[in-house]
Amino acid sequence: MGRVLSRGELAAESARLRAEGKVLVFTNGVFDLLHVGHLRYLRSARELGDALAVGLNADACVRRLKGEKRPILPEDERGELLAGLSCVDYVCLFGEDDPRELIRAVVPRVLVKGGDWPVERILGRDTVEAAGGRVLSLPFVEGRSTTAIVESIVRRYGAGFRE
């Protein structure tokens, strides 16, 4: 089971793994309402190395990026859910609008994003490639997104949706 680490702890863990010749894979995102697209993506990312670290956008950051109605789940719950996945080794919360500072601190050997991100637009690419690492865009699971799930619930149930 994964662990939720501070930025400093994750940077130290990354350095330890690198010294042991192991590969740390890093990705980041909101991961609001975990769904099968997230799971397939994270499993694919984990297969690229010896450990997977997930940078998780803090709640205030999510509101700035996605609007006042998001996130649906608070950061502590999103972090706990991610850390509970067998494919995730580490989770690190970050409050900046993009992950570049966290990536500079961690310097993973592999940086990945979903297929909706072309490699040339992946933030942190310069840091990882300068350190000899790889940057990849993994296949996107069509139709599987938090936004699509929310829209489906609203279409299907409207204001009458009950737990």
Protein backbone atom coordinates (compact mmCIF):
# COMPACT_ATOMS: atom_id res chain seq x y z
CA MET A 1 0.00 0.00 0.00
CA GLY A 2 1.26 3.46 -0.88
CA ARG A 3 2.24 6.23 1.46
CA VAL A 4 1.40 9.92 1.47
CA LEU A 5 4.69 11.83 1.68
CA SER A 6 5.73 15.44 1.96
CA ARG A 7 7.71 16.98 -0.91
CA GLY A 8 10.95 16.60 1.05
CA GLU A 9 10.21 12.97 1.91
CA LEU A 10 9.41 12.15 -1.71
CA ALA A 11 12.60 13.87 -2.90
CA ALA A 12 14.62 11.81 -0.41
CA GLU A 13 12.87 8.61 -1.49
CA SER A 14 13.58 9.43 -5.14
CA ALA A 15 17.27 9.95 -4.35
CA ARG A 16 17.38 6.63 -2.47
CA LEU A 17 15.77 4.77 -5.37
CA ARG A 18 18.13 6.38 -7.89
CA ALA A 19 21.15 5.43 -5.75
CA GLU A 20 19.90 1.82 -5.78
CA GLY A 21 19.59 1.92 -9.58
CA LYS A 22 15.81 1.81 -9.42
CA VAL A 23 13.37 3.75 -11.60
CA LEU A 24 10.83 6.13 -10.08
CA VAL A 25 7.89 6.93 -12.35
CA PHE A 26 5.98 10.16 -11.66
CA THR A 27 2.61 11.46 -12.75
CA ASN A 28 0.30 14.11 -11.42
CA GLY A 29 -3.30 15.18 -11.49
CA VAL A 30 -6.52 15.85 -9.61
CA PHE A 31 -7.79 12.24 -9.46
CA ASP A 32 -11.25 13.31 -8.36
CA LEU A 33 -13.77 10.43 -8.31
CA LEU A 34 -11.43 7.57 -9.12
CA HIS A 35 -12.62 5.55 -12.09
CA VAL A 36 -11.42 2.74 -14.35
CA GLY A 37 -9.61 5.20 -16.65
CA HIS A 38 -7.50 6.35 -13.70
CA LEU A 39 -6.81 2.78 -12.62
CA ARG A 40 -5.73 1.61 -16.09
CA TYR A 41 -3.54 4.68 -16.53
CA LEU A 42 -1.86 4.28 -13.13
CA ARG A 43 -1.26 0.56 -13.68
CA SER A 44 0.37 1.32 -17.05
CA ALA A 45 2.52 4.02 -15.46
CA ARG A 46 3.67 1.67 -12.67
CA GLU A 47 4.77 -0.94 -15.20
CA LEU A 48 7.39 1.53 -16.48
CA GLY A 49 9.51 1.40 -13.33
CA ASP A 50 10.14 0.14 -9.83
CA ALA A 51 7.89 2.63 -8.02
CA LEU A 52 5.12 5.09 -8.90
CA ALA A 53 4.73 8.51 -7.31
CA VAL A 54 1.59 10.56 -7.86
CA GLY A 55 1.63 14.33 -7.41
CA LEU A 56 -1.87 15.26 -6.24
CA ASN A 57 -3.30 18.75 -6.80
CA ALA A 58 -4.41 20.34 -3.51
CA ASP A 59 -8.03 21.48 -3.18
CA ALA A 60 -7.31 25.21 -3.62
CA CYS A 61 -5.36 24.45 -6.78
CA VAL A 62 -8.20 22.30 -8.16
CA ARG A 63 -10.68 25.15 -7.58
CA ARG A 64 -8.41 27.55 -9.47
CA LEU A 65 -7.98 25.11 -12.36
CA LYS A 66 -11.44 23.53 -12.61
CA GLY A 67 -13.83 25.94 -10.92
CA GLU A 68 -15.48 26.39 -7.53
CA LYS A 69 -17.54 23.17 -7.73
CA ARG A 70 -14.41 21.01 -7.79
CA PRO A 71 -12.95 18.98 -6.33
CA ILE A 72 -15.83 16.69 -5.47
CA LEU A 73 -13.72 14.79 -2.94
CA PRO A 74 -11.33 16.61 -0.58
CA GLU A 75 -7.57 16.24 -0.95
CA ASP A 76 -7.13 14.01 2.09
CA GLU A 77 -9.67 11.50 0.75
CA ARG A 78 -8.26 11.64 -2.79
CA GLY A 79 -4.78 11.03 -1.38
CA GLU A 80 -5.94 8.12 0.76
CA LEU A 81 -7.74 6.51 -2.19
CA LEU A 82 -4.68 6.81 -4.44
CA ALA A 83 -2.35 5.50 -1.72
CA GLY A 84 -4.70 2.53 -1.30
CA LEU A 85 -4.15 1.37 -4.88
CA SER A 86 -1.59 -1.44 -5.19
CA CYS A 87 0.00 0.25 -8.22
CA VAL A 88 0.72 3.51 -6.35
CA ASP A 89 3.76 3.63 -4.08
CA TYR A 90 3.78 7.30 -3.07
CA VAL A 91 1.39 10.24 -3.11
CA CYS A 92 2.54 13.83 -2.63
CA LEU A 93 0.18 16.78 -2.36
CA PHE A 94 1.18 20.02 -4.10
CA GLY A 95 -0.47 23.43 -4.06
CA GLU A 96 1.02 25.10 -7.13
CA ASP A 97 -1.06 25.34 -10.31
CA ASP A 98 1.39 23.06 -12.11
CA PRO A 99 3.78 20.30 -10.96
CA ARG A 100 7.09 21.76 -12.16
CA GLU A 101 8.43 22.66 -8.70
CA LEU A 102 7.57 19.21 -7.37
CA ILE A 103 9.18 17.54 -10.39
CA ARG A 104 12.33 19.66 -9.91
CA ALA A 105 12.49 18.48 -6.28
CA VAL A 106 11.91 14.81 -7.10
CA VAL A 107 13.61 14.45 -10.53
CA PRO A 108 11.93 11.16 -11.46
CA ARG A 109 13.51 8.86 -14.05
CA VAL A 110 10.21 8.61 -15.94
CA LEU A 111 7.49 11.28 -16.21
CA VAL A 112 4.10 10.32 -17.64
CA LYS A 113 0.77 11.95 -18.43
CA GLY A 114 -2.36 10.67 -20.12
CA GLY A 115 -2.77 10.58 -23.88
CA ASP A 116 -4.62 13.89 -23.88
CA TRP A 117 -1.20 15.46 -23.18
CA PRO A 118 1.26 15.46 -26.10
CA VAL A 119 4.83 14.86 -24.87
CA GLU A 120 5.97 18.33 -25.94
CA ARG A 121 3.34 19.93 -23.64
CA ILE A 122 4.07 17.85 -20.52
CA LEU A 123 5.19 20.18 -17.75
CA GLY A 124 8.47 19.16 -16.14
CA ARG A 125 9.72 17.51 -19.31
CA ASP A 126 12.82 19.74 -19.43
CA THR A 127 13.87 18.74 -15.89
CA VAL A 128 13.43 15.01 -16.45
CA GLU A 129 15.11 14.92 -19.87
CA ALA A 130 18.03 17.06 -18.61
CA ALA A 131 18.64 14.40 -15.95
CA GLY A 132 18.61 11.64 -18.59
CA GLY A 133 15.04 10.51 -17.94
CA ARG A 134 12.12 9.71 -20.24
CA VAL A 135 8.82 11.55 -20.75
CA LEU A 136 5.84 9.63 -22.11
CA SER A 137 2.20 10.20 -22.97
CA LEU A 138 0.21 7.05 -22.13
CA PRO A 139 -2.99 5.97 -23.90
CA PHE A 140 -6.12 7.80 -22.82
CA VAL A 141 -9.20 5.75 -21.92
CA GLU A 142 -11.90 7.36 -24.06
CA GLY A 143 -15.12 8.33 -22.34
CA ARG A 144 -13.71 7.73 -18.88
CA SER A 145 -13.27 11.00 -17.02
CA THR A 146 -14.63 12.60 -13.89
CA THR A 147 -16.31 15.27 -16.00
CA ALA A 148 -18.01 12.61 -18.16
CA ILE A 149 -19.21 10.74 -15.05
CA VAL A 150 -20.64 13.90 -13.49
CA GLU A 151 -22.34 14.88 -16.76
CA SER A 152 -23.82 11.39 -17.06
CA ILE A 153 -25.24 11.57 -13.52
CA VAL A 154 -26.76 15.00 -14.17
CA ARG A 155 -28.28 13.86 -17.50
CA ARG A 156 -29.64 10.67 -16.04
CA TYR A 157 -30.87 11.89 -12.68
CA GLY A 158 -30.84 15.69 -12.78
CA ALA A 159 -31.70 17.37 -9.51
CA GLY A 160 -33.59 14.25 -8.45
CA PHE A 161 -30.42 12.21 -7.86
CA ARG A 162 -30.38 10.71 -4.38
CA GLU A 163 -27.81 8.58 -2.60
